[in-house]
PDB file of N, CA and C in Angstrom:
ATOM      1  N   MET A   1     108.669 153.298 102.695  1.00  0.00           N
ATOM      2  CA  MET A   1     109.830 152.692 103.843  1.00  0.00           C
ATOM      3  C   MET A   1     111.464 153.623 103.994  1.00  0.00           C
ATOM      4  N   ILE A   2     111.651 153.569 102.674  1.00  0.00           N
ATOM      5  CA  ILE A   2     112.979 154.534 102.815  1.00  0.00           C
ATOM      6  C   ILE A   2     113.000 155.880 102.978  1.00  0.00           C
ATOM      7  N   THR A   3     111.991 156.732 103.307  1.00  0.00           N
ATOM      8  CA  THR A   3     111.478 158.102 104.025  1.00  0.00           C
ATOM      9  C   THR A   3     111.788 157.777 105.135  1.00  0.00           C
ATOM     10  N   LEU A   4     111.208 156.630 105.798  1.00  0.00           N
ATOM     11  CA  LEU A   4     110.962 156.652 107.288  1.00  0.00           C
ATOM     12  C   LEU A   4     112.621 155.956 107.988  1.00  0.00           C
ATOM     13  N   ALA A   5     113.387 155.585 106.926  1.00  0.00           N
ATOM     14  CA  ALA A   5     114.852 155.364 107.272  1.00  0.00           C
ATOM     15  C   ALA A   5     115.676 156.030 107.114  1.00  0.00           C
ATOM     16  N   ILE A   6     115.273 157.355 106.096  1.00  0.00           N
ATOM     17  CA  ILE A   6     115.680 158.533 106.295  1.00  0.00           C
ATOM     18  C   ILE A   6     115.746 159.589 107.759  1.00  0.00           C
ATOM     19  N   VAL A   7     114.326 159.341 108.274  1.00  0.00           N
ATOM     20  CA  VAL A   7     113.881 160.663 109.134  1.00  0.00           C
ATOM     21  C   VAL A   7     114.745 159.983 109.762  1.00  0.00           C
ATOM     22  N   LEU A   8     114.822 158.482 110.457  1.00  0.00           N
ATOM     23  CA  LEU A   8     115.288 157.958 111.708  1.00  0.00           C
ATOM     24  C   LEU A   8     116.894 158.288 111.645  1.00  0.00           C
ATOM     25  N   ALA A   9     117.069 158.404 110.442  1.00  0.00           N
ATOM     26  CA  ALA A   9     119.113 158.368 110.246  1.00  0.00           C
ATOM     27  C   ALA A   9     118.909 160.362 110.491  1.00  0.00           C
ATOM     28  N   GLY A  10     118.115 160.959 110.206  1.00  0.00           N
ATOM     29  CA  GLY A  10     117.946 162.292 110.413  1.00  0.00           C
ATOM     30  C   GLY A  10     117.978 162.570 111.976  1.00  0.00           C
ATOM     31  N   ALA A  11     117.204 161.859 112.763  1.00  0.00           N
ATOM     32  CA  ALA A  11     117.288 161.787 114.244  1.00  0.00           C
ATOM     33  C   ALA A  11     118.285 161.183 114.664  1.00  0.00           C
ATOM     34  N   LEU A  12     119.056 160.596 113.688  1.00  0.00           N
ATOM     35  CA  LEU A  12     120.475 160.608 114.741  1.00  0.00           C
ATOM     36  C   LEU A  12     121.854 161.318 114.262  1.00  0.00           C
ATOM     37  N   GLY A  13     121.425 162.015 113.440  1.00  0.00           N
ATOM     38  CA  GLY A  13     122.396 162.971 112.669  1.00  0.00           C
ATOM     39  C   GLY A  13     122.761 164.313 113.506  1.00  0.00           C
ATOM     40  N   ALA A  14     121.123 164.807 113.452  1.00  0.00           N
ATOM     41  CA  ALA A  14     121.028 166.164 114.180  1.00  0.00           C
ATOM     42  C   ALA A  14     121.527 166.320 115.750  1.00  0.00           C
ATOM     43  N   PRO A  15     121.475 165.242 116.501  1.00  0.00           N
ATOM     44  CA  PRO A  15     121.729 165.385 118.028  1.00  0.00           C
ATOM     45  C   PRO A  15     123.287 165.100 117.849  1.00  0.00           C
ATOM     46  N   SER A  16     123.560 164.027 116.736  1.00  0.00           N
ATOM     47  CA  SER A  16     125.151 164.466 116.694  1.00  0.00           C
ATOM     48  C   SER A  16     125.980 165.113 116.481  1.00  0.00           C
ATOM     49  N   ARG A  17     125.165 165.867 115.442  1.00  0.00           N
ATOM     50  CA  ARG A  17     125.914 167.421 115.318  1.00  0.00           C
ATOM     51  C   ARG A  17     126.010 168.231 116.234  1.00  0.00           C
ATOM     52  N   TYR A  18     124.895 168.352 117.381  1.00  0.00           N
ATOM     53  CA  TYR A  18     124.720 169.216 118.572  1.00  0.00           C
ATOM     54  C   TYR A  18     125.781 168.731 119.689  1.00  0.00           C
ATOM     55  N   LEU A  19     126.159 167.395 119.820  1.00  0.00           N
ATOM     56  CA  LEU A  19     127.083 166.932 120.856  1.00  0.00           C
ATOM     57  C   LEU A  19     128.427 167.228 120.090  1.00  0.00           C
ATOM     58  N   VAL A  20     128.935 166.993 119.023  1.00  0.00           N
ATOM     59  CA  VAL A  20     129.788 167.256 118.766  1.00  0.00           C
ATOM     60  C   VAL A  20     130.419 169.200 118.539  1.00  0.00           C
ATOM     61  N   GLU A  21     129.369 169.461 118.016  1.00  0.00           N
ATOM     62  CA  GLU A  21     129.323 171.227 118.257  1.00  0.00           C
ATOM     63  C   GLU A  21     130.006 171.590 119.225  1.00  0.00           C
ATOM     64  N   ARG A  22     128.683 171.390 120.216  1.00  0.00           N
ATOM     65  CA  ARG A  22     129.015 171.781 121.782  1.00  0.00           C
ATOM     66  C   ARG A  22     130.404 171.563 122.621  1.00  0.00           C
ATOM     67  N   SER A  23     130.708 170.105 121.969  1.00  0.00           N
ATOM     68  CA  SER A  23     131.513 169.850 122.914  1.00  0.00           C
ATOM     69  C   SER A  23     132.973 170.543 122.475  1.00  0.00           C
ATOM     70  N   ILE A  24     132.789 170.713 121.269  1.00  0.00           N
ATOM     71  CA  ILE A  24     134.380 171.434 120.776  1.00  0.00           C
ATOM     72  C   ILE A  24     133.979 173.026 121.152  1.00  0.00           C
ATOM     73  N   SER A  25     132.916 173.843 121.208  1.00  0.00           N
ATOM     74  CA  SER A  25     132.535 175.133 121.579  1.00  0.00           C
ATOM     75  C   SER A  25     132.726 175.503 123.050  1.00  0.00           C
ATOM     76  N   ILE A  26     132.582 174.385 123.597  1.00  0.00           N
ATOM     77  CA  ILE A  26     132.803 174.652 125.107  1.00  0.00           C
ATOM     78  C   ILE A  26     134.579 174.626 125.861  1.00  0.00           C
ATOM     79  N   ARG A  27     134.998 173.808 124.917  1.00  0.00           N
ATOM     80  CA  ARG A  27     136.493 173.467 124.936  1.00  0.00           C
ATOM     81  C   ARG A  27     137.374 174.991 124.552  1.00  0.00           C
ATOM     82  N   THR A  28     136.715 175.398 123.782  1.00  0.00           N
ATOM     83  CA  THR A  28     137.385 176.127 122.547  1.00  0.00           C
ATOM     84  C   THR A  28     136.618 177.704 122.515  1.00  0.00           C
ATOM     85  N   GLY A  29     135.650 177.741 123.377  1.00  0.00           N
ATOM     86  CA  GLY A  29     134.438 179.116 123.218  1.00  0.00           C
ATOM     87  C   GLY A  29     134.213 179.609 122.271  1.00  0.00           C
ATOM     88  N   ALA A  30     133.387 180.561 122.569  1.00  0.00           N
ATOM     89  CA  ALA A  30     132.420 180.980 121.557  1.00  0.00           C
ATOM     90  C   ALA A  30     132.677 181.969 120.341  1.00  0.00           C
ATOM     91  N   ARG A  31     133.881 182.435 120.577  1.00  0.00           N
ATOM     92  CA  ARG A  31     134.114 183.642 119.693  1.00  0.00           C
ATOM     93  C   ARG A  31     134.704 183.170 118.080  1.00  0.00           C
ATOM     94  N   TYR A  32     134.707 182.008 118.035  1.00  0.00           N
ATOM     95  CA  TYR A  32     135.205 181.251 116.730  1.00  0.00           C
ATOM     96  C   TYR A  32     134.580 179.941 116.638  1.00  0.00           C
ATOM     97  N   PRO A  33     133.661 179.941 115.535  1.00  0.00           N
ATOM     98  CA  PRO A  33     132.992 178.493 115.200  1.00  0.00           C
ATOM     99  C   PRO A  33     133.516 177.502 114.956  1.00  0.00           C
ATOM    100  N   TRP A  34     134.476 176.755 116.261  1.00  0.00           N
ATOM    101  CA  TRP A  34     135.439 175.563 115.488  1.00  0.00           C
ATOM    102  C   TRP A  34     134.231 174.037 115.691  1.00  0.00           C
ATOM    103  N   GLY A  35     133.259 174.617 116.305  1.00  0.00           N
ATOM    104  CA  GLY A  35     132.524 173.264 116.139  1.00  0.00           C
ATOM    105  C   GLY A  35     132.142 173.359 115.078  1.00  0.00           C
ATOM    106  N   THR A  36     131.141 174.004 114.495  1.00  0.00           N
ATOM    107  CA  THR A  36     130.414 174.170 113.261  1.00  0.00           C
ATOM    108  C   THR A  36     131.517 173.714 112.070  1.00  0.00           C
ATOM    109  N   LEU A  37     132.702 174.337 112.080  1.00  0.00           N
ATOM    110  CA  LEU A  37     133.879 173.976 111.069  1.00  0.00           C
ATOM    111  C   LEU A  37     133.978 172.977 111.181  1.00  0.00           C
ATOM    112  N   LEU A  38     134.143 171.963 112.287  1.00  0.00           N
ATOM    113  CA  LEU A  38     134.595 170.622 112.431  1.00  0.00           C
ATOM    114  C   LEU A  38     133.659 169.664 111.809  1.00  0.00           C
ATOM    115  N   VAL A  39     132.466 169.603 112.156  1.00  0.00           N
ATOM    116  CA  VAL A  39     131.364 169.254 111.696  1.00  0.00           C
ATOM    117  C   VAL A  39     131.099 169.124 110.317  1.00  0.00           C
ATOM    118  N   ASN A  40     131.345 170.433 109.551  1.00  0.00           N
ATOM    119  CA  ASN A  40     130.996 170.222 108.165  1.00  0.00           C
ATOM    120  C   ASN A  40     131.956 169.544 107.559  1.00  0.00           C
ATOM    121  N   LEU A  41     133.346 169.492 108.145  1.00  0.00           N
ATOM    122  CA  LEU A  41     134.615 169.047 107.408  1.00  0.00           C
ATOM    123  C   LEU A  41     134.558 167.435 107.496  1.00  0.00           C
ATOM    124  N   LEU A  42     133.886 167.140 109.047  1.00  0.00           N
ATOM    125  CA  LEU A  42     133.591 165.970 109.167  1.00  0.00           C
ATOM    126  C   LEU A  42     132.852 165.284 108.377  1.00  0.00           C
ATOM    127  N   GLY A  43     131.786 165.923 107.838  1.00  0.00           N
ATOM    128  CA  GLY A  43     130.578 165.640 107.255  1.00  0.00           C
ATOM    129  C   GLY A  43     130.925 165.568 105.475  1.00  0.00           C
ATOM    130  N   ALA A  44     131.651 166.504 105.257  1.00  0.00           N
ATOM    131  CA  ALA A  44     132.577 166.793 103.841  1.00  0.00           C
ATOM    132  C   ALA A  44     133.291 165.359 103.670  1.00  0.00           C
ATOM    133  N   GLY A  45     134.091 165.317 104.532  1.00  0.00           N
ATOM    134  CA  GLY A  45     135.297 163.754 103.941  1.00  0.00           C
ATOM    135  C   GLY A  45     134.079 162.594 104.219  1.00  0.00           C
ATOM    136  N   ALA A  46     133.010 162.404 105.004  1.00  0.00           N
ATOM    137  CA  ALA A  46     132.346 161.036 104.977  1.00  0.00           C
ATOM    138  C   ALA A  46     131.431 161.199 103.486  1.00  0.00           C
ATOM    139  N   LEU A  47     130.602 162.425 103.470  1.00  0.00           N
ATOM    140  CA  LEU A  47     129.896 161.966 102.011  1.00  0.00           C
ATOM    141  C   LEU A  47     131.004 161.871 101.385  1.00  0.00           C
ATOM    142  N   GLY A  48     132.104 162.416 100.755  1.00  0.00           N
ATOM    143  CA  GLY A  48     132.922 162.030  99.608  1.00  0.00           C
ATOM    144  C   GLY A  48     133.406 160.618  99.793  1.00  0.00           C
ATOM    145  N   LEU A  49     133.806 159.857 101.291  1.00  0.00           N
ATOM    146  CA  LEU A  49     133.801 158.274 101.420  1.00  0.00           C
ATOM    147  C   LEU A  49     132.437 157.320 100.775  1.00  0.00           C
ATOM    148  N   LEU A  50     131.086 158.005 100.714  1.00  0.00           N
ATOM    149  CA  LEU A  50     129.997 157.667 100.631  1.00  0.00           C
ATOM    150  C   LEU A  50     129.586 157.697  99.258  1.00  0.00           C
ATOM    151  N   ALA A  51     130.338 158.777  98.595  1.00  0.00           N
ATOM    152  CA  ALA A  51     130.040 158.659  96.872  1.00  0.00           C
ATOM    153  C   ALA A  51     131.036 158.055  96.397  1.00  0.00           C
ATOM    154  N   GLY A  52     131.996 157.586  96.764  1.00  0.00           N
ATOM    155  CA  GLY A  52     132.899 157.051  96.495  1.00  0.00           C
ATOM    156  C   GLY A  52     132.914 155.611  96.868  1.00  0.00           C
ATOM    157  N   SER A  53     132.007 155.285  97.500  1.00  0.00           N
ATOM    158  CA  SER A  53     131.292 153.989  97.828  1.00  0.00           C
ATOM    159  C   SER A  53     130.519 153.771  96.812  1.00  0.00           C
ATOM    160  N   ILE A  54     129.536 154.286  96.537  1.00  0.00           N
ATOM    161  CA  ILE A  54     128.792 154.255  95.404  1.00  0.00           C
ATOM    162  C   ILE A  54     129.134 153.868  94.109  1.00  0.00           C
ATOM    163  N   GLU A  55     130.059 154.453  93.795  1.00  0.00           N
ATOM    164  CA  GLU A  55     130.774 155.120  92.477  1.00  0.00           C
ATOM    165  C   GLU A  55     131.431 153.786  92.476  1.00  0.00           C
ATOM    166  N   TYR A  56     132.396 153.399  93.083  1.00  0.00           N
ATOM    167  CA  TYR A  56     133.441 152.386  92.877  1.00  0.00           C
ATOM    168  C   TYR A  56     133.234 150.847  93.369  1.00  0.00           C
ATOM    169  N   HIS A  57     132.160 150.780  94.421  1.00  0.00           N
ATOM    170  CA  HIS A  57     131.903 149.425  95.215  1.00  0.00           C
ATOM    171  C   HIS A  57     130.411 149.385  95.093  1.00  0.00           C
ATOM    172  N   HIS A  58     129.693 150.371  94.566  1.00  0.00           N
ATOM    173  CA  HIS A  58     128.434 150.018  94.026  1.00  0.00           C
ATOM    174  C   HIS A  58     127.496 149.451  95.586  1.00  0.00           C
ATOM    175  N   VAL A  59     128.160 150.464  96.474  1.00  0.00           N
ATOM    176  CA  VAL A  59     127.068 150.852  97.468  1.00  0.00           C
ATOM    177  C   VAL A  59     125.445 150.634  97.032  1.00  0.00           C
ATOM    178  N   ASP A  60     124.572 150.197  98.069  1.00  0.00           N
ATOM    179  CA  ASP A  60     122.802 149.987  97.520  1.00  0.00           C
ATOM    180  C   ASP A  60     122.694 151.475  97.320  1.00  0.00           C
ATOM    181  N   ARG A  61     121.898 152.300  96.267  1.00  0.00           N
ATOM    182  CA  ARG A  61     121.738 153.603  96.713  1.00  0.00           C
ATOM    183  C   ARG A  61     120.513 153.636  97.482  1.00  0.00           C
ATOM    184  N   ASP A  62     119.662 152.703  98.325  1.00  0.00           N
ATOM    185  CA  ASP A  62     118.676 153.541  99.564  1.00  0.00           C
ATOM    186  C   ASP A  62     119.536 153.079 100.560  1.00  0.00           C
ATOM    187  N   LEU A  63     120.768 152.320 101.149  1.00  0.00           N
ATOM    188  CA  LEU A  63     121.448 152.506 102.090  1.00  0.00           C
ATOM    189  C   LEU A  63     122.486 154.131 102.116  1.00  0.00           C
ATOM    190  N   ALA A  64     122.726 154.505 100.550  1.00  0.00           N
ATOM    191  CA  ALA A  64     123.359 155.787 100.462  1.00  0.00           C
ATOM    192  C   ALA A  64     122.433 156.849 100.715  1.00  0.00           C
ATOM    193  N   ARG A  65     121.603 157.053 100.530  1.00  0.00           N
ATOM    194  CA  ARG A  65     120.491 158.006 100.635  1.00  0.00           C
ATOM    195  C   ARG A  65     120.008 158.011 102.085  1.00  0.00           C
ATOM    196  N   VAL A  66     119.804 156.775 102.610  1.00  0.00           N
ATOM    197  CA  VAL A  66     119.426 156.936 104.082  1.00  0.00           C
ATOM    198  C   VAL A  66     120.743 157.478 105.103  1.00  0.00           C
ATOM    199  N   ALA A  67     122.014 157.307 104.506  1.00  0.00           N
ATOM    200  CA  ALA A  67     123.130 157.980 104.996  1.00  0.00           C
ATOM    201  C   ALA A  67     123.599 159.215 105.102  1.00  0.00           C
ATOM    202  N   GLY A  68     123.532 159.221 103.380  1.00  0.00           N
ATOM    203  CA  GLY A  68     123.886 160.562 102.708  1.00  0.00           C
ATOM    204  C   GLY A  68     122.672 161.877 103.232  1.00  0.00           C
ATOM    205  N   VAL A  69     121.715 161.700 102.924  1.00  0.00           N
ATOM    206  CA  VAL A  69     120.411 162.140 103.039  1.00  0.00           C
ATOM    207  C   VAL A  69     119.960 162.721 104.375  1.00  0.00           C
ATOM    208  N   GLY A  70     119.804 161.478 105.010  1.00  0.00           N
ATOM    209  CA  GLY A  70     119.334 161.436 106.279  1.00  0.00           C
ATOM    210  C   GLY A  70     120.224 161.659 107.619  1.00  0.00           C
ATOM    211  N   PHE A  71     121.630 160.890 107.609  1.00  0.00           N
ATOM    212  CA  PHE A  71     122.312 161.379 108.247  1.00  0.00           C
ATOM    213  C   PHE A  71     123.271 162.132 108.658  1.00  0.00           C
ATOM    214  N   LEU A  72     123.850 162.248 107.120  1.00  0.00           N
ATOM    215  CA  LEU A  72     124.820 163.620 107.148  1.00  0.00           C
ATOM    216  C   LEU A  72     124.079 164.679 106.461  1.00  0.00           C
ATOM    217  N   GLY A  73     122.802 165.058 106.226  1.00  0.00           N
ATOM    218  CA  GLY A  73     122.322 165.814 105.575  1.00  0.00           C
ATOM    219  C   GLY A  73     121.834 166.628 107.361  1.00  0.00           C
ATOM    220  N   ALA A  74     121.397 166.182 108.262  1.00  0.00           N
ATOM    221  CA  ALA A  74     121.165 166.467 109.461  1.00  0.00           C
ATOM    222  C   ALA A  74     122.822 166.506 110.358  1.00  0.00           C
ATOM    223  N   PHE A  75     123.627 166.046 110.071  1.00  0.00           N
ATOM    224  CA  PHE A  75     124.655 166.431 110.698  1.00  0.00           C
ATOM    225  C   PHE A  75     125.355 167.707 110.271  1.00  0.00           C
ATOM    226  N   THR A  76     125.332 167.532 109.183  1.00  0.00           N
ATOM    227  CA  THR A  76     125.739 169.066 108.547  1.00  0.00           C
ATOM    228  C   THR A  76     125.338 170.279 108.313  1.00  0.00           C
ATOM    229  N   THR A  77     125.759 171.354 108.459  1.00  0.00           N
ATOM    230  CA  THR A  77     124.372 172.271 108.746  1.00  0.00           C
ATOM    231  C   THR A  77     125.429 173.655 107.368  1.00  0.00           C
ATOM    232  N   PHE A  78     124.905 173.702 106.635  1.00  0.00           N
ATOM    233  CA  PHE A  78     125.025 174.950 105.718  1.00  0.00           C
ATOM    234  C   PHE A  78     124.029 176.483 106.731  1.00  0.00           C
ATOM    235  N   SER A  79     123.505 176.681 106.966  1.00  0.00           N
ATOM    236  CA  SER A  79     122.476 177.624 107.435  1.00  0.00           C
ATOM    237  C   SER A  79     123.568 178.225 108.844  1.00  0.00           C
ATOM    238  N   THR A  80     123.853 177.038 109.505  1.00  0.00           N
ATOM    239  CA  THR A  80     124.478 177.953 110.807  1.00  0.00           C
ATOM    240  C   THR A  80     126.037 178.154 110.377  1.00  0.00           C
ATOM    241  N   PHE A  81     126.365 177.560 109.362  1.00  0.00           N
ATOM    242  CA  PHE A  81     127.979 177.851 108.572  1.00  0.00           C
ATOM    243  C   PHE A  81     127.744 179.372 107.929  1.00  0.00           C
ATOM    244  N   ALA A  82     126.648 179.559 107.321  1.00  0.00           N
ATOM    245  CA  ALA A  82     126.538 180.916 106.749  1.00  0.00           C
ATOM    246  C   ALA A  82     126.231 182.013 107.979  1.00  0.00           C
ATOM    247  N   VAL A  83     125.400 181.799 108.888  1.00  0.00           N
ATOM    248  CA  VAL A  83     124.902 182.890 109.889  1.00  0.00           C
ATOM    249  C   VAL A  83     126.181 182.880 110.848  1.00  0.00           C
ATOM    250  N   GLU A  84     127.385 181.687 110.834  1.00  0.00           N
ATOM    251  CA  GLU A  84     128.301 182.090 111.810  1.00  0.00           C
ATOM    252  C   GLU A  84     129.435 182.775 110.761  1.00  0.00           C
ATOM    253  N   ALA A  85     129.412 182.702 109.873  1.00  0.00           N
ATOM    254  CA  ALA A  85     130.311 183.589 108.836  1.00  0.00           C
ATOM    255  C   ALA A  85     129.828 184.777 108.891  1.00  0.00           C
ATOM    256  N   ASN A  86     128.696 185.571 109.196  1.00  0.00           N
ATOM    257  CA  ASN A  86     128.709 186.657 109.194  1.00  0.00           C
ATOM    258  C   ASN A  86     128.632 186.842 109.814  1.00  0.00           C
ATOM    259  N   ARG A  87     128.711 186.721 111.310  1.00  0.00           N
ATOM    260  CA  ARG A  87     129.202 187.303 112.550  1.00  0.00           C
ATOM    261  C   ARG A  87     130.513 187.681 113.056  1.00  0.00           C
ATOM    262  N   LEU A  88     131.099 186.954 111.949  1.00  0.00           N
ATOM    263  CA  LEU A  88     132.854 187.092 112.169  1.00  0.00           C
ATOM    264  C   LEU A  88     133.176 188.480 111.565  1.00  0.00           C
ATOM    265  N   ARG A  89     134.364 188.932 112.341  1.00  0.00           N
ATOM    266  CA  ARG A  89     134.656 189.971 111.339  1.00  0.00           C
ATOM    267  C   ARG A  89     135.521 189.414 110.251  1.00  0.00           C
ATOM    268  N   LEU A  90     136.089 190.791 109.159  1.00  0.00           N
ATOM    269  CA  LEU A  90     136.255 190.720 108.228  1.00  0.00           C
ATOM    270  C   LEU A  90     137.764 189.183 107.476  1.00  0.00           C
ATOM    271  N   PRO A  91     138.630 189.577 108.499  1.00  0.00           N
ATOM    272  CA  PRO A  91     139.720 189.021 108.445  1.00  0.00           C
ATOM    273  C   PRO A  91     139.326 187.240 108.931  1.00  0.00           C
ATOM    274  N   ALA A  92     138.851 187.027 109.961  1.00  0.00           N
ATOM    275  CA  ALA A  92     137.997 185.548 110.377  1.00  0.00           C
ATOM    276  C   ALA A  92     137.739 184.999 109.745  1.00  0.00           C
ATOM    277  N   ARG A  93     136.044 186.046 109.010  1.00  0.00           N
ATOM    278  CA  ARG A  93     135.186 185.301 108.262  1.00  0.00           C
ATOM    279  C   ARG A  93     136.015 184.952 107.037  1.00  0.00           C
ATOM    280  N   LEU A  94     137.003 185.650 106.338  1.00  0.00           N
ATOM    281  CA  LEU A  94     137.446 184.984 105.409  1.00  0.00           C
ATOM    282  C   LEU A  94     138.311 183.518 105.491  1.00  0.00           C
ATOM    283  N   GLY A  95     139.361 183.686 106.338  1.00  0.00           N
ATOM    284  CA  GLY A  95     139.558 182.386 107.086  1.00  0.00           C
ATOM    285  C   GLY A  95     138.601 181.194 107.194  1.00  0.00           C
ATOM    286  N   TYR A  96     137.442 181.540 107.691  1.00  0.00           N
ATOM    287  CA  TYR A  96     136.502 180.475 108.047  1.00  0.00           C
ATOM    288  C   TYR A  96     135.799 179.815 106.914  1.00  0.00           C
ATOM    289  N   LEU A  97     135.760 181.051 105.392  1.00  0.00           N
ATOM    290  CA  LEU A  97     135.291 180.661 104.521  1.00  0.00           C
ATOM    291  C   LEU A  97     136.120 179.852 103.659  1.00  0.00           C
ATOM    292  N   GLY A  98     137.429 180.108 103.769  1.00  0.00           N
ATOM    293  CA  GLY A  98     138.153 179.243 103.645  1.00  0.00           C
ATOM    294  C   GLY A  98     138.767 177.985 103.702  1.00  0.00           C
ATOM    295  N   ALA A  99     138.598 178.094 105.078  1.00  0.00           N
ATOM    296  CA  ALA A  99     138.674 176.493 105.921  1.00  0.00           C
ATOM    297  C   ALA A  99     137.487 175.599 105.729  1.00  0.00           C
ATOM    298  N   SER A 100     136.228 176.202 105.253  1.00  0.00           N
ATOM    299  CA  SER A 100     135.106 175.497 105.212  1.00  0.00           C
ATOM    300  C   SER A 100     134.646 174.994 103.959  1.00  0.00           C
ATOM    301  N   LEU A 101     135.218 175.828 102.838  1.00  0.00           N
ATOM    302  CA  LEU A 101     134.811 175.027 101.685  1.00  0.00           C
ATOM    303  C   LEU A 101     135.679 174.866 101.249  1.00  0.00           C
ATOM    304  N   GLY A 102     137.238 175.457 101.094  1.00  0.00           N
ATOM    305  CA  GLY A 102     138.509 175.048 100.470  1.00  0.00           C
ATOM    306  C   GLY A 102     138.729 173.296 101.473  1.00  0.00           C
ATOM    307  N   GLY A 103     138.880 173.214 102.551  1.00  0.00           N
ATOM    308  CA  GLY A 103     138.690 172.041 103.532  1.00  0.00           C
ATOM    309  C   GLY A 103     137.793 171.067 103.303  1.00  0.00           C
ATOM    310  N   GLY A 104     136.267 171.673 103.330  1.00  0.00           N
ATOM    311  CA  GLY A 104     135.432 170.374 102.639  1.00  0.00           C
ATOM    312  C   GLY A 104     135.396 169.857 101.220  1.00  0.00           C
ATOM    313  N   LEU A 105     136.149 170.594 100.524  1.00  0.00           N
ATOM    314  CA  LEU A 105     136.103 170.316  99.039  1.00  0.00           C
ATOM    315  C   LEU A 105     137.448 169.627  99.072  1.00  0.00           C
ATOM    316  N   ILE A 106     138.454 169.756  99.971  1.00  0.00           N
ATOM    317  CA  ILE A 106     139.935 168.848  99.886  1.00  0.00           C
ATOM    318  C   ILE A 106     139.300 167.151 100.298  1.00  0.00           C
ATOM    319  N   LEU A 107     138.653 167.694 101.623  1.00  0.00           N
ATOM    320  CA  LEU A 107     137.779 166.106 102.348  1.00  0.00           C
ATOM    321  C   LEU A 107     137.540 165.605 101.807  1.00  0.00           C
ATOM    322  N   ALA A 108     135.833 165.893 100.922  1.00  0.00           N
ATOM    323  CA  ALA A 108     135.328 165.413 100.070  1.00  0.00           C
ATOM    324  C   ALA A 108     136.180 164.493  99.057  1.00  0.00           C
ATOM    325  N   GLY A 109     137.337 165.417  98.274  1.00  0.00           N
ATOM    326  CA  GLY A 109     138.346 164.731  97.339  1.00  0.00           C
ATOM    327  C   GLY A 109     138.822 163.563  97.850  1.00  0.00           C
ATOM    328  N   ILE A 110     139.201 163.288  98.996  1.00  0.00           N
ATOM    329  CA  ILE A 110     139.972 162.434  99.484  1.00  0.00           C
ATOM    330  C   ILE A 110     139.357 161.337 100.078  1.00  0.00           C
ATOM    331  N   GLY A 111     138.311 161.791 100.670  1.00  0.00           N
ATOM    332  CA  GLY A 111     136.947 160.718 100.807  1.00  0.00           C
ATOM    333  C   GLY A 111     136.521 159.631  99.557  1.00  0.00           C
ATOM    334  N   VAL A 112     136.759 160.087  98.298  1.00  0.00           N
ATOM    335  CA  VAL A 112     136.415 159.731  97.054  1.00  0.00           C
ATOM    336  C   VAL A 112     137.485 158.644  96.740  1.00  0.00           C
ATOM    337  N   ALA A 113     138.971 159.348  96.600  1.00  0.00           N
ATOM    338  CA  ALA A 113     140.108 158.936  96.433  1.00  0.00           C
ATOM    339  C   ALA A 113     140.529 157.731  97.672  1.00  0.00           C
ATOM    340  N   ILE A 114     139.995 157.523  98.741  1.00  0.00           N
ATOM    341  CA  ILE A 114     140.287 156.223  99.327  1.00  0.00           C
ATOM    342  C   ILE A 114     139.720 155.341  98.927  1.00  0.00           C
ATOM    343  N   THR A 115     138.348 155.695  98.300  1.00  0.00           N
ATOM    344  CA  THR A 115     137.457 154.436  98.307  1.00  0.00           C
ATOM    345  C   THR A 115     137.671 154.055  96.516  1.00  0.00           C
ATOM    346  N   ALA A 116     138.376 154.519  95.921  1.00  0.00           N
ATOM    347  CA  ALA A 116     138.803 154.493  94.667  1.00  0.00           C
ATOM    348  C   ALA A 116     139.869 153.590  94.646  1.00  0.00           C
ATOM    349  N   ARG A 117     140.263 153.089  95.440  1.00  0.00           N
ATOM    350  CA  ARG A 117     141.141 151.818  95.774  1.00  0.00           C
ATOM    351  C   ARG A 117     140.846 150.608  95.786  1.00  0.00           C
TER     352      ARG A 117
END
């Protein structure tokens, strides 16, 4: 049953990613991957909130799996991040890598800290 719930959550996460990414890309142009950056930063922050909720508020682990593995796993995208980073020229690539990795770590940490209260 948990597997089916994860599949259904993933079926919501993937189109959510697509809609967010496309709406940002249409507004900003395709030269820089702002949409993927935003999706991955949002996902990192949300996963931090989820991880903190498990740790500090004893959220049900099955619910956490559905939300984390299912929805957020399908919502975020490492493979697209990697491909887009390689398509950028070096200065932009370094900025993208720094914003994605550094920003993701910071937002995940903030998410955990918010739930620690």
